[in-house]
Amino acid sequence: MTVSPFEDLRSPQRQLIEWQIEHADLDALIDQASLSTPTLDELSLRRMKKRRLALRDQIARLQVIMDPKEPA
C-alpha cells in the first residue's frame, strides 16, 4: 500500500508539529506584547492567550493518542 504525499500532510505527527509551532509563535507574540507598550488591545491579547491554551490542550490530547501510557 502506497501512501500519497497528501495523506502524509494530515498525519498526526505533522499536525502535532504544526500545533507546536503555532503555540510557540503565540508564546512569542504574547511575551512581546506584554513587554512592549500597550499597542495590542486587551481583547486581542485575551484571544491569543485563549488560543494558546486551546493549542496546549490539543497537543496534550494528541500526544496521549500517539503514545498512550501502558498499564502498570
C-alpha atoms as a PDB file:
ATOM      1  CA  MET A   1       0.000   0.000   0.000  1.00  0.00           C
ATOM      2  CA  THR A   2       1.433   3.333  -1.085  1.00  0.00           C
ATOM      3  CA  VAL A   3       0.903   6.492   0.941  1.00  0.00           C
ATOM      4  CA  SER A   4       0.363   9.604  -1.123  1.00  0.00           C
ATOM      5  CA  PRO A   5       2.156  12.814  -0.139  1.00  0.00           C
ATOM      6  CA  PHE A   6      -1.240  14.399   0.584  1.00  0.00           C
ATOM      7  CA  GLU A   7      -2.111  11.754   3.181  1.00  0.00           C
ATOM      8  CA  ASP A   8       1.184  12.424   4.926  1.00  0.00           C
ATOM      9  CA  LEU A   9       0.254  16.108   5.249  1.00  0.00           C
ATOM     10  CA  ARG A  10      -2.579  15.098   7.570  1.00  0.00           C
ATOM     11  CA  SER A  11      -0.582  12.667   9.696  1.00  0.00           C
ATOM     12  CA  PRO A  12      -0.867  13.056  13.474  1.00  0.00           C
ATOM     13  CA  GLN A  13       2.873  13.723  13.704  1.00  0.00           C
ATOM     14  CA  ARG A  14       2.636  16.585  11.225  1.00  0.00           C
ATOM     15  CA  GLN A  15      -0.420  18.018  12.999  1.00  0.00           C
ATOM     16  CA  LEU A  16       1.442  17.868  16.294  1.00  0.00           C
ATOM     17  CA  ILE A  17       4.400  19.766  14.820  1.00  0.00           C
ATOM     18  CA  GLU A  18       2.116  22.405  13.290  1.00  0.00           C
ATOM     19  CA  TRP A  19       0.343  22.947  16.610  1.00  0.00           C
ATOM     20  CA  GLN A  20       3.651  23.149  18.491  1.00  0.00           C
ATOM     21  CA  ILE A  21       4.931  25.767  16.062  1.00  0.00           C
ATOM     22  CA  GLU A  22       1.709  27.782  16.332  1.00  0.00           C
ATOM     23  CA  HIS A  23       1.881  27.550  20.151  1.00  0.00           C
ATOM     24  CA  ALA A  24       5.488  28.787  20.148  1.00  0.00           C
ATOM     25  CA  ASP A  25       4.575  31.648  17.800  1.00  0.00           C
ATOM     26  CA  LEU A  26       1.712  32.694  20.059  1.00  0.00           C
ATOM     27  CA  ASP A  27       4.011  32.467  23.087  1.00  0.00           C
ATOM     28  CA  ALA A  28       6.454  34.846  21.438  1.00  0.00           C
ATOM     29  CA  LEU A  29       3.703  37.270  20.373  1.00  0.00           C
ATOM     30  CA  ILE A  30       2.168  37.327  23.840  1.00  0.00           C
ATOM     31  CA  ASP A  31       5.548  37.855  25.508  1.00  0.00           C
ATOM     32  CA  GLN A  32       6.407  40.634  23.076  1.00  0.00           C
ATOM     33  CA  ALA A  33       3.028  42.322  23.560  1.00  0.00           C
ATOM     34  CA  SER A  34       3.281  42.202  27.342  1.00  0.00           C
ATOM     35  CA  LEU A  35       6.789  43.710  27.326  1.00  0.00           C
ATOM     36  CA  SER A  36       6.153  46.491  24.839  1.00  0.00           C
ATOM     37  CA  THR A  37       3.921  49.472  25.147  1.00  0.00           C
ATOM     38  CA  PRO A  38       0.244  48.571  25.030  1.00  0.00           C
ATOM     39  CA  THR A  39      -0.069  48.533  21.248  1.00  0.00           C
ATOM     40  CA  LEU A  40      -2.281  45.465  21.331  1.00  0.00           C
ATOM     41  CA  ASP A  41      -5.735  45.873  22.755  1.00  0.00           C
ATOM     42  CA  GLU A  42      -6.722  43.753  25.735  1.00  0.00           C
ATOM     43  CA  LEU A  43      -9.301  41.747  23.770  1.00  0.00           C
ATOM     44  CA  SER A  44      -6.742  40.624  21.185  1.00  0.00           C
ATOM     45  CA  LEU A  45      -4.316  39.634  23.927  1.00  0.00           C
ATOM     46  CA  ARG A  46      -7.007  37.577  25.698  1.00  0.00           C
ATOM     47  CA  ARG A  47      -7.920  35.868  22.411  1.00  0.00           C
ATOM     48  CA  MET A  48      -4.281  34.947  21.778  1.00  0.00           C
ATOM     49  CA  LYS A  49      -3.940  33.562  25.300  1.00  0.00           C
ATOM     50  CA  LYS A  50      -7.146  31.553  24.903  1.00  0.00           C
ATOM     51  CA  ARG A  51      -5.950  30.141  21.557  1.00  0.00           C
ATOM     52  CA  ARG A  52      -2.573  29.282  23.107  1.00  0.00           C
ATOM     53  CA  LEU A  53      -4.302  27.407  25.925  1.00  0.00           C
ATOM     54  CA  ALA A  54      -6.533  25.525  23.474  1.00  0.00           C
ATOM     55  CA  LEU A  55      -3.485  24.546  21.433  1.00  0.00           C
ATOM     56  CA  ARG A  56      -1.737  23.277  24.553  1.00  0.00           C
ATOM     57  CA  ASP A  57      -4.743  21.076  25.321  1.00  0.00           C
ATOM     58  CA  GLN A  58      -4.916  19.796  21.726  1.00  0.00           C
ATOM     59  CA  ILE A  59      -1.201  18.997  21.771  1.00  0.00           C
ATOM     60  CA  ALA A  60      -1.545  17.087  25.041  1.00  0.00           C
ATOM     61  CA  ARG A  61      -4.519  15.065  23.756  1.00  0.00           C
ATOM     62  CA  LEU A  62      -2.762  14.185  20.513  1.00  0.00           C
ATOM     63  CA  GLN A  63       0.390  13.147  22.368  1.00  0.00           C
ATOM     64  CA  VAL A  64      -1.665  10.779  24.527  1.00  0.00           C
ATOM     65  CA  ILE A  65      -3.315   9.290  21.452  1.00  0.00           C
ATOM     66  CA  MET A  66       0.009   8.865  19.665  1.00  0.00           C
ATOM     67  CA  ASP A  67       1.855   7.447  22.683  1.00  0.00           C
ATOM     68  CA  PRO A  68      -0.620   6.013  25.205  1.00  0.00           C
ATOM     69  CA  LYS A  69       0.646   5.057  28.642  1.00  0.00           C
ATOM     70  CA  GLU A  70       0.857   1.343  29.133  1.00  0.00           C
ATOM     71  CA  PRO A  71      -0.954  -0.044  32.156  1.00  0.00           C
ATOM     72  CA  ALA A  72       1.343  -0.886  35.041  1.00  0.00           C
END
